[in-house]
Amino acid sequence: MTEAPAPVHRGTRLSRDARRAQLLVAARDVFAAHGYHAAAMDDIAERAGVSKPVLYQHFPGKLELYRALLTTYADELVERVADAIRGTTDNEQRVHAAVSAYFDFVAGEGQAYRLVFESDLRGEPEAAAVVDGALTRCIDTVAAAVTTDAGLDAPRARMLAVGLVGLSQVAAQYWLDSDQSVPRDEAVSLMSGFAWRGLAGFPLVHD
C-alpha cells in the first residue's frame, strides 16, 4: 500500500526517492480533486511545498507525472488482488479476500482509486494502456486460480474471472459513493457471498 510521507516544509532537503514520493502524493491529491485536465503543475508544486523547477527536475511534464502516478496505484491494485489469491488455498476465502481488496483500494488514502477507475485521460494511449494492463493482470490472477481449481478451460475461467473482478470494482465504487450506508465488512461479505454462491457451483477438480 502506498503511504503518504510526512509533511515537508519548503526548502527541506530530501533524498531523490523521498522527494519523488512526496511529489507523487501531492500530485495524487490534486489530480483526484480536479482531474487531469484541470490540474496545473503550479498547483502540484504548491501542494508539495516546492518550486516548479524542483517539480520539473523529477517530472518533465504533467503527462509524465500523471503516468508515473497512475502506474504506482495500478500496480498497488494488482498487488492487492494477487496477495488476496496467494493468501489462502481456500477458495471461498479467496473470493472474500479478492472482493475485500477492491474495497480496501477504493477506501484508500487520497482517493487514488479515481485515477485508475475514473481517469479523464483514458483517451491518451499510454495512460489507457496502464489502466487496461492492471485490469488484465487482475483478471489473469483470478483466472489462473479458477482454471486450476475448477478444471475449466482458459476462455471459460477467464469469463468467470472477468465477472468477479467487475463485480468487485463496481460494488466497491458504489459502496464508497453511497456514503458507506452499509458497513464495510458487511458489504464485503454480501458481495463475496453473492459471488461465491455462483462460483461454488463449479466442482473442485484439483485440491
Protein backbone atom coordinates (compact mmCIF):
# COMPACT_ATOMS: atom_id res chain seq x y z
CA MET A 1 0.00 0.00 0.00
CA THR A 2 1.32 3.46 -0.90
CA GLU A 3 1.78 5.51 2.26
CA ALA A 4 1.81 9.29 2.34
CA PRO A 5 5.13 10.72 3.53
CA ALA A 6 5.21 13.14 6.41
CA PRO A 7 4.57 16.78 5.51
CA VAL A 8 7.70 18.58 4.36
CA HIS A 9 8.31 22.32 4.62
CA ARG A 10 9.58 24.27 1.62
CA GLY A 11 13.36 24.21 1.49
CA THR A 12 13.75 20.92 3.37
CA ARG A 13 16.36 18.74 1.69
CA LEU A 14 15.26 15.19 0.86
CA SER A 15 16.80 12.28 -0.95
CA ARG A 16 15.72 11.98 -4.58
CA ASP A 17 13.47 8.99 -3.83
CA ALA A 18 11.87 10.71 -0.84
CA ARG A 19 11.26 13.88 -2.84
CA ARG A 20 9.72 11.87 -5.68
CA ALA A 21 7.39 10.11 -3.23
CA GLN A 22 6.39 13.47 -1.75
CA LEU A 23 5.64 14.90 -5.21
CA LEU A 24 3.55 11.86 -6.15
CA VAL A 25 1.39 12.24 -3.04
CA ALA A 26 0.85 15.93 -3.79
CA ALA A 27 0.01 15.11 -7.41
CA ARG A 28 -2.40 12.40 -6.30
CA ASP A 29 -4.32 14.88 -4.17
CA VAL A 30 -4.51 17.49 -6.92
CA PHE A 31 -5.40 15.08 -9.73
CA ALA A 32 -8.01 13.28 -7.63
CA ALA A 33 -9.63 16.59 -6.69
CA HIS A 34 -9.57 18.28 -10.08
CA GLY A 35 -8.93 15.65 -12.76
CA TYR A 36 -6.02 15.63 -15.18
CA HIS A 37 -7.10 18.44 -17.46
CA ALA A 38 -7.98 20.96 -14.76
CA ALA A 39 -4.92 20.25 -12.60
CA ALA A 40 -1.90 22.50 -13.03
CA MET A 41 1.76 21.89 -12.28
CA ASP A 42 1.68 25.14 -10.24
CA ASP A 43 -0.98 23.59 -8.00
CA ILE A 44 1.03 20.41 -7.54
CA ALA A 45 4.24 22.29 -6.71
CA GLU A 46 2.39 24.44 -4.20
CA ARG A 47 0.75 21.39 -2.63
CA ALA A 48 4.16 19.74 -2.29
CA GLY A 49 5.78 22.90 -0.93
CA VAL A 50 8.41 23.04 -3.67
CA SER A 51 9.24 25.34 -6.54
CA LYS A 52 8.20 24.43 -10.09
CA PRO A 53 11.84 23.88 -11.13
CA VAL A 54 12.15 21.22 -8.42
CA LEU A 55 9.00 19.52 -9.70
CA TYR A 56 10.31 19.59 -13.27
CA GLN A 57 13.61 18.08 -12.15
CA HIS A 58 11.68 14.91 -11.33
CA PHE A 59 8.94 15.00 -13.96
CA PRO A 60 9.44 16.79 -17.29
CA GLY A 61 5.73 17.47 -17.71
CA LYS A 62 2.23 16.93 -16.38
CA LEU A 63 1.61 13.88 -18.55
CA GLU A 64 4.77 12.13 -17.36
CA LEU A 65 3.81 12.87 -13.76
CA TYR A 66 0.32 11.52 -14.27
CA ARG A 67 1.61 8.33 -15.92
CA ALA A 68 4.00 7.71 -13.03
CA LEU A 69 1.20 8.22 -10.54
CA LEU A 70 -1.20 6.05 -12.49
CA THR A 71 1.37 3.25 -12.72
CA THR A 72 2.05 3.42 -8.98
CA TYR A 73 -1.59 2.94 -8.00
CA ALA A 74 -2.44 0.49 -10.77
CA ASP A 75 0.42 -1.70 -9.55
CA GLU A 76 -0.86 -1.35 -5.98
CA LEU A 77 -4.29 -2.64 -7.00
CA VAL A 78 -2.80 -5.62 -8.84
CA GLU A 79 -0.65 -6.48 -5.84
CA ARG A 80 -3.65 -6.32 -3.50
CA VAL A 81 -5.56 -8.79 -5.68
CA ALA A 82 -2.54 -11.07 -6.06
CA ASP A 83 -1.98 -11.10 -2.29
CA ALA A 84 -5.66 -11.99 -1.80
CA ILE A 85 -5.33 -15.01 -4.08
CA ARG A 86 -1.97 -16.11 -2.69
CA GLY A 87 -3.00 -15.66 0.93
CA THR A 88 -5.06 -18.86 1.18
CA THR A 89 -5.88 -22.06 -0.68
CA ASP A 90 -9.49 -21.98 0.48
CA ASN A 91 -11.48 -20.75 -2.49
CA GLU A 92 -14.31 -19.19 -0.51
CA GLN A 93 -11.78 -17.21 1.46
CA ARG A 94 -10.05 -16.26 -1.79
CA VAL A 95 -13.26 -14.78 -3.16
CA HIS A 96 -13.83 -12.86 0.06
CA ALA A 97 -10.24 -11.58 0.06
CA ALA A 98 -10.39 -10.55 -3.61
CA VAL A 99 -13.59 -8.56 -3.07
CA SER A 100 -12.11 -7.07 0.09
CA ALA A 101 -9.01 -5.98 -1.84
CA TYR A 102 -11.14 -3.75 -4.06
CA PHE A 103 -12.97 -2.24 -1.09
CA ASP A 104 -9.64 -1.52 0.60
CA PHE A 105 -8.33 0.09 -2.57
CA VAL A 106 -11.27 2.43 -3.11
CA ALA A 107 -11.26 3.40 0.57
CA GLY A 108 -7.53 4.11 0.47
CA GLU A 109 -5.93 7.43 1.26
CA GLY A 110 -6.32 10.31 -1.16
CA GLN A 111 -8.97 8.79 -3.44
CA ALA A 112 -6.23 7.24 -5.57
CA TYR A 113 -8.82 4.85 -7.00
CA ARG A 114 -10.24 7.72 -9.04
CA LEU A 115 -7.00 7.87 -11.00
CA VAL A 116 -7.39 4.22 -12.00
CA PHE A 117 -11.16 3.81 -12.35
CA GLU A 118 -12.32 7.33 -13.24
CA SER A 119 -9.44 8.87 -15.15
CA ASP A 120 -10.36 11.67 -17.54
CA LEU A 121 -7.27 10.75 -19.56
CA ARG A 122 -8.45 7.37 -20.84
CA GLY A 123 -8.20 8.72 -24.38
CA GLU A 124 -4.43 9.05 -24.03
CA PRO A 125 -3.00 5.70 -25.29
CA GLU A 126 -0.23 5.27 -22.73
CA ALA A 127 -2.49 6.11 -19.78
CA ALA A 128 -5.19 3.79 -21.11
CA ALA A 129 -2.60 1.04 -21.51
CA VAL A 130 -1.63 1.32 -17.83
CA VAL A 131 -5.24 1.00 -16.65
CA ASP A 132 -6.12 -1.76 -19.10
CA GLY A 133 -2.93 -3.60 -18.18
CA ALA A 134 -3.81 -3.52 -14.49
CA LEU A 135 -7.30 -4.86 -15.22
CA THR A 136 -5.83 -7.63 -17.36
CA ARG A 137 -3.35 -8.64 -14.66
CA CYS A 138 -6.10 -8.80 -12.03
CA ILE A 139 -8.21 -10.97 -14.34
CA ASP A 140 -5.21 -13.19 -15.15
CA THR A 141 -4.54 -13.76 -11.44
CA VAL A 142 -8.12 -14.78 -10.70
CA ALA A 143 -8.42 -16.84 -13.91
CA ALA A 144 -5.34 -18.87 -13.07
CA ALA A 145 -6.83 -19.90 -9.73
CA VAL A 146 -10.20 -20.75 -11.31
CA THR A 147 -8.55 -22.79 -14.06
CA THR A 148 -6.53 -24.80 -11.57
CA ASP A 149 -9.30 -25.47 -9.06
CA ALA A 150 -12.37 -25.84 -11.24
CA GLY A 151 -10.76 -27.60 -14.16
CA LEU A 152 -12.22 -25.15 -16.68
CA ASP A 153 -10.51 -24.27 -19.91
CA ALA A 154 -8.88 -20.86 -20.21
CA PRO A 155 -11.71 -18.99 -22.02
CA ARG A 156 -14.37 -20.11 -19.52
CA ALA A 157 -12.18 -19.50 -16.49
CA ARG A 158 -11.43 -16.05 -17.83
CA MET A 159 -15.13 -15.25 -18.20
CA LEU A 160 -15.66 -16.09 -14.53
CA ALA A 161 -12.62 -14.00 -13.56
CA VAL A 162 -13.95 -11.02 -15.50
CA GLY A 163 -17.24 -11.39 -13.64
CA LEU A 164 -15.60 -11.44 -10.21
CA VAL A 165 -13.28 -8.51 -10.97
CA GLY A 166 -16.10 -6.45 -12.47
CA LEU A 167 -18.44 -7.19 -9.57
CA SER A 168 -15.76 -6.27 -7.04
CA GLN A 169 -14.86 -2.98 -8.71
CA VAL A 170 -18.39 -1.74 -9.34
CA ALA A 171 -19.65 -2.79 -5.90
CA ALA A 172 -16.71 -1.15 -4.13
CA GLN A 173 -17.18 2.13 -6.02
CA TYR A 174 -20.91 2.10 -5.35
CA TRP A 175 -20.32 1.45 -1.65
CA LEU A 176 -17.94 4.39 -1.40
CA ASP A 177 -20.17 6.78 -3.35
CA SER A 178 -23.24 5.79 -1.30
CA ASP A 179 -21.56 7.16 1.85
CA GLN A 180 -20.94 3.65 3.17
CA SER A 181 -24.54 3.26 4.31
CA VAL A 182 -23.77 -0.46 4.64
CA PRO A 183 -20.81 -1.10 6.97
CA ARG A 184 -17.67 -2.03 5.06
CA ASP A 185 -17.26 -5.59 6.42
CA GLU A 186 -20.94 -6.35 5.85
CA ALA A 187 -20.76 -5.01 2.30
CA VAL A 188 -17.74 -7.21 1.54
CA SER A 189 -19.50 -10.24 2.99
CA LEU A 190 -22.64 -9.53 0.98
CA MET A 191 -20.80 -9.26 -2.32
CA SER A 192 -18.33 -12.09 -1.73
CA GLY A 193 -21.18 -14.36 -0.62
CA PHE A 194 -23.10 -13.47 -3.75
CA ALA A 195 -20.06 -14.24 -5.93
CA TRP A 196 -19.18 -17.42 -4.06
CA ARG A 197 -22.65 -18.93 -4.44
CA GLY A 198 -22.12 -18.74 -8.18
CA LEU A 199 -18.52 -19.96 -8.25
CA ALA A 200 -19.22 -22.78 -5.79
CA GLY A 201 -21.42 -24.38 -8.43
CA PHE A 202 -18.31 -25.48 -10.27
CA PRO A 203 -16.84 -28.71 -8.86
CA LEU A 204 -13.42 -28.61 -7.22
CA VAL A 205 -11.26 -30.68 -9.55
CA HIS A 206 -7.87 -30.01 -8.01
CA ASP A 207 -7.39 -29.65 -4.26
